[in-house]
N, C-alpha and C. Protein backbone atom coordinates (compact mmCIF):
# COMPACT_ATOMS: atom_id res chain seq x y z
N ALA A 1 0.85 -1.18 0.00
CA ALA A 1 0.00 0.00 0.00
C ALA A 1 0.89 1.23 0.00
N ILE A 2 0.49 2.20 -0.78
CA ILE A 2 1.17 3.49 -0.79
C ILE A 2 0.11 4.50 -0.39
N GLY A 3 0.24 5.00 0.84
CA GLY A 3 -0.83 5.83 1.39
C GLY A 3 -2.07 4.98 1.53
N ASP A 4 -3.18 5.45 0.97
CA ASP A 4 -4.42 4.67 1.04
C ASP A 4 -4.70 3.90 -0.26
N LYS A 5 -3.76 3.92 -1.20
CA LYS A 5 -3.94 3.20 -2.47
C LYS A 5 -3.23 1.85 -2.42
N ARG A 6 -3.85 0.88 -3.09
CA ARG A 6 -3.26 -0.46 -3.18
C ARG A 6 -2.94 -0.76 -4.64
N TYR A 7 -1.82 -1.41 -4.86
CA TYR A 7 -1.37 -1.79 -6.19
C TYR A 7 -1.07 -3.28 -6.18
N TRP A 8 -0.98 -3.89 -7.38
CA TRP A 8 -0.63 -5.29 -7.48
C TRP A 8 0.57 -5.42 -8.40
N ALA A 9 1.51 -6.28 -8.04
CA ALA A 9 2.65 -6.60 -8.89
C ALA A 9 2.86 -8.10 -8.84
N ASN A 10 3.43 -8.66 -9.90
CA ASN A 10 3.56 -10.12 -9.97
C ASN A 10 4.81 -10.67 -9.31
N CYS A 11 5.71 -9.82 -8.83
CA CYS A 11 6.91 -10.32 -8.15
C CYS A 11 7.49 -9.22 -7.26
N ALA A 12 8.43 -9.61 -6.41
CA ALA A 12 9.04 -8.67 -5.47
C ALA A 12 9.73 -7.52 -6.21
N TRP A 13 10.44 -7.84 -7.27
CA TRP A 13 11.15 -6.81 -8.03
C TRP A 13 10.17 -5.80 -8.60
N ASP A 14 9.08 -6.27 -9.19
CA ASP A 14 8.08 -5.37 -9.75
C ASP A 14 7.39 -4.54 -8.67
N SER A 15 7.18 -5.12 -7.50
CA SER A 15 6.53 -4.36 -6.43
C SER A 15 7.39 -3.17 -6.02
N LEU A 16 8.70 -3.34 -6.01
CA LEU A 16 9.58 -2.20 -5.73
C LEU A 16 9.54 -1.19 -6.87
N GLY A 17 9.37 -1.69 -8.10
CA GLY A 17 9.24 -0.80 -9.25
C GLY A 17 7.99 0.06 -9.17
N VAL A 18 6.91 -0.48 -8.62
CA VAL A 18 5.68 0.30 -8.44
C VAL A 18 5.95 1.47 -7.49
N VAL A 19 6.69 1.21 -6.43
CA VAL A 19 7.02 2.28 -5.48
C VAL A 19 7.77 3.39 -6.20
N VAL A 20 8.77 3.02 -6.99
CA VAL A 20 9.57 4.02 -7.71
C VAL A 20 8.72 4.74 -8.76
N ALA A 21 7.93 3.98 -9.52
CA ALA A 21 7.12 4.57 -10.60
C ALA A 21 6.09 5.57 -10.09
N THR A 22 5.59 5.36 -8.88
CA THR A 22 4.61 6.28 -8.32
C THR A 22 5.26 7.49 -7.66
N GLY A 23 6.58 7.46 -7.53
CA GLY A 23 7.28 8.58 -6.89
C GLY A 23 7.18 8.57 -5.38
N ALA A 24 6.70 7.47 -4.82
CA ALA A 24 6.55 7.38 -3.36
C ALA A 24 7.91 7.16 -2.71
N ASN A 25 8.04 7.62 -1.48
CA ASN A 25 9.27 7.34 -0.73
C ASN A 25 8.98 6.45 0.47
N ALA A 26 7.73 5.99 0.58
CA ALA A 26 7.34 5.08 1.65
C ALA A 26 6.24 4.16 1.13
N ALA A 27 6.32 2.89 1.53
CA ALA A 27 5.31 1.92 1.11
C ALA A 27 5.37 0.70 2.00
N ARG A 28 4.28 -0.05 2.00
CA ARG A 28 4.21 -1.35 2.68
C ARG A 28 3.81 -2.37 1.62
N ILE A 29 4.65 -3.37 1.42
CA ILE A 29 4.41 -4.40 0.42
C ILE A 29 4.06 -5.69 1.16
N TYR A 30 2.84 -6.15 0.96
CA TYR A 30 2.36 -7.38 1.61
C TYR A 30 2.45 -8.51 0.60
N THR A 31 3.14 -9.58 0.96
CA THR A 31 3.32 -10.71 0.05
C THR A 31 3.47 -11.99 0.86
N THR A 32 3.80 -13.08 0.18
CA THR A 32 4.10 -14.33 0.87
C THR A 32 5.46 -14.83 0.39
N CYS A 33 6.15 -15.52 1.26
CA CYS A 33 7.45 -16.11 0.95
C CYS A 33 7.23 -17.32 0.05
N ALA A 34 7.93 -17.37 -1.07
CA ALA A 34 7.77 -18.50 -2.00
C ALA A 34 8.27 -19.81 -1.40
N ALA A 35 9.22 -19.73 -0.49
CA ALA A 35 9.80 -20.96 0.09
C ALA A 35 8.86 -21.66 1.06
N ASP A 36 8.16 -20.88 1.90
CA ASP A 36 7.32 -21.51 2.94
C ASP A 36 5.90 -20.96 3.00
N GLN A 37 5.54 -20.08 2.08
CA GLN A 37 4.20 -19.51 1.99
C GLN A 37 3.77 -18.70 3.21
N GLN A 38 4.73 -18.26 4.01
CA GLN A 38 4.43 -17.44 5.18
C GLN A 38 4.26 -15.98 4.74
N PRO A 39 3.38 -15.24 5.43
CA PRO A 39 3.22 -13.82 5.11
C PRO A 39 4.54 -13.07 5.28
N LEU A 40 4.75 -12.07 4.43
CA LEU A 40 5.98 -11.30 4.46
C LEU A 40 5.64 -9.84 4.21
N LEU A 41 6.22 -8.97 5.01
CA LEU A 41 6.03 -7.52 4.85
C LEU A 41 7.35 -6.91 4.45
N ILE A 42 7.34 -6.18 3.33
CA ILE A 42 8.51 -5.42 2.89
C ILE A 42 8.13 -3.95 3.04
N GLU A 43 8.92 -3.22 3.81
CA GLU A 43 8.63 -1.80 4.02
C GLU A 43 9.68 -0.94 3.33
N VAL A 44 9.22 0.16 2.75
CA VAL A 44 10.10 1.17 2.19
C VAL A 44 9.88 2.43 3.01
N VAL A 45 10.97 2.97 3.56
CA VAL A 45 10.92 4.18 4.37
C VAL A 45 12.00 5.13 3.86
N ASP A 46 11.64 6.37 3.61
CA ASP A 46 12.58 7.36 3.08
C ASP A 46 13.30 6.86 1.83
N GLY A 47 12.56 6.13 0.98
CA GLY A 47 13.10 5.67 -0.29
C GLY A 47 14.00 4.45 -0.22
N ALA A 48 14.13 3.83 0.95
CA ALA A 48 15.00 2.66 1.10
C ALA A 48 14.23 1.49 1.69
N VAL A 49 14.58 0.29 1.26
CA VAL A 49 13.96 -0.92 1.81
C VAL A 49 14.48 -1.13 3.23
N VAL A 50 13.57 -1.35 4.16
CA VAL A 50 13.93 -1.62 5.55
C VAL A 50 14.38 -3.08 5.65
N ASP A 51 15.55 -3.30 6.24
CA ASP A 51 16.09 -4.66 6.37
C ASP A 51 15.24 -5.47 7.35
N ASN A 52 14.58 -6.50 6.83
CA ASN A 52 13.80 -7.39 7.69
C ASN A 52 14.40 -8.79 7.72
N GLY A 53 15.58 -8.94 7.16
CA GLY A 53 16.26 -10.23 7.15
C GLY A 53 15.90 -11.12 5.97
N ALA A 54 14.92 -10.72 5.18
CA ALA A 54 14.50 -11.54 4.03
C ALA A 54 15.46 -11.32 2.86
N LEU A 55 15.56 -12.33 2.02
CA LEU A 55 16.37 -12.24 0.80
C LEU A 55 15.48 -12.53 -0.40
N ALA A 56 15.74 -11.86 -1.50
CA ALA A 56 15.04 -12.14 -2.75
C ALA A 56 16.02 -12.82 -3.69
N HIS A 57 15.61 -13.94 -4.27
CA HIS A 57 16.47 -14.67 -5.21
C HIS A 57 16.02 -14.37 -6.62
N VAL A 58 16.94 -13.90 -7.45
CA VAL A 58 16.65 -13.64 -8.85
C VAL A 58 17.37 -14.72 -9.66
N LEU A 59 16.60 -15.64 -10.23
CA LEU A 59 17.15 -16.81 -10.91
C LEU A 59 17.95 -16.45 -12.16
N VAL A 60 17.46 -15.50 -12.94
CA VAL A 60 18.08 -15.16 -14.22
C VAL A 60 18.97 -13.92 -14.03
N PRO A 61 20.25 -13.99 -14.43
CA PRO A 61 21.11 -12.82 -14.34
C PRO A 61 20.55 -11.67 -15.18
N PHE A 62 20.75 -10.45 -14.72
CA PHE A 62 20.19 -9.28 -15.40
C PHE A 62 20.52 -9.26 -16.89
N ARG A 63 21.72 -9.60 -17.26
CA ARG A 63 22.12 -9.53 -18.68
C ARG A 63 21.28 -10.45 -19.58
N HIS A 64 20.54 -11.39 -18.98
CA HIS A 64 19.72 -12.32 -19.76
C HIS A 64 18.21 -12.09 -19.58
N TRP A 65 17.83 -11.04 -18.88
CA TRP A 65 16.41 -10.80 -18.64
C TRP A 65 15.61 -10.69 -19.92
N TYR A 66 16.15 -10.05 -20.94
CA TYR A 66 15.39 -9.81 -22.16
C TYR A 66 15.53 -10.94 -23.17
N ASP A 67 16.28 -11.99 -22.83
CA ASP A 67 16.38 -13.15 -23.72
C ASP A 67 15.04 -13.88 -23.83
N ASP A 68 14.32 -13.96 -22.73
CA ASP A 68 13.03 -14.66 -22.69
C ASP A 68 12.18 -14.00 -21.60
N MET A 69 11.47 -12.94 -21.97
CA MET A 69 10.70 -12.16 -20.99
C MET A 69 9.60 -12.98 -20.32
N VAL A 70 9.04 -13.94 -21.00
CA VAL A 70 7.99 -14.76 -20.39
C VAL A 70 8.58 -15.57 -19.24
N PHE A 71 9.73 -16.18 -19.45
CA PHE A 71 10.37 -16.97 -18.39
C PHE A 71 10.89 -16.07 -17.27
N THR A 72 11.52 -14.97 -17.65
CA THR A 72 12.10 -14.07 -16.66
C THR A 72 11.01 -13.51 -15.78
């Protein structure tokens, strides 16, 4: 949520992109962990992600993202 508005993104990376695209410097991203399906909160404060100990795994190296956008 950014203020009182809610947005949807299909992955953690895109959810952070929504924050940037809207020009917000604070947000709360509600999601679930892919490994164990537990609820996960990602917070952005003053334009930075707050460290909550979670890690995001990006399977495809950036240089290959556009090789197959459907898979990436």
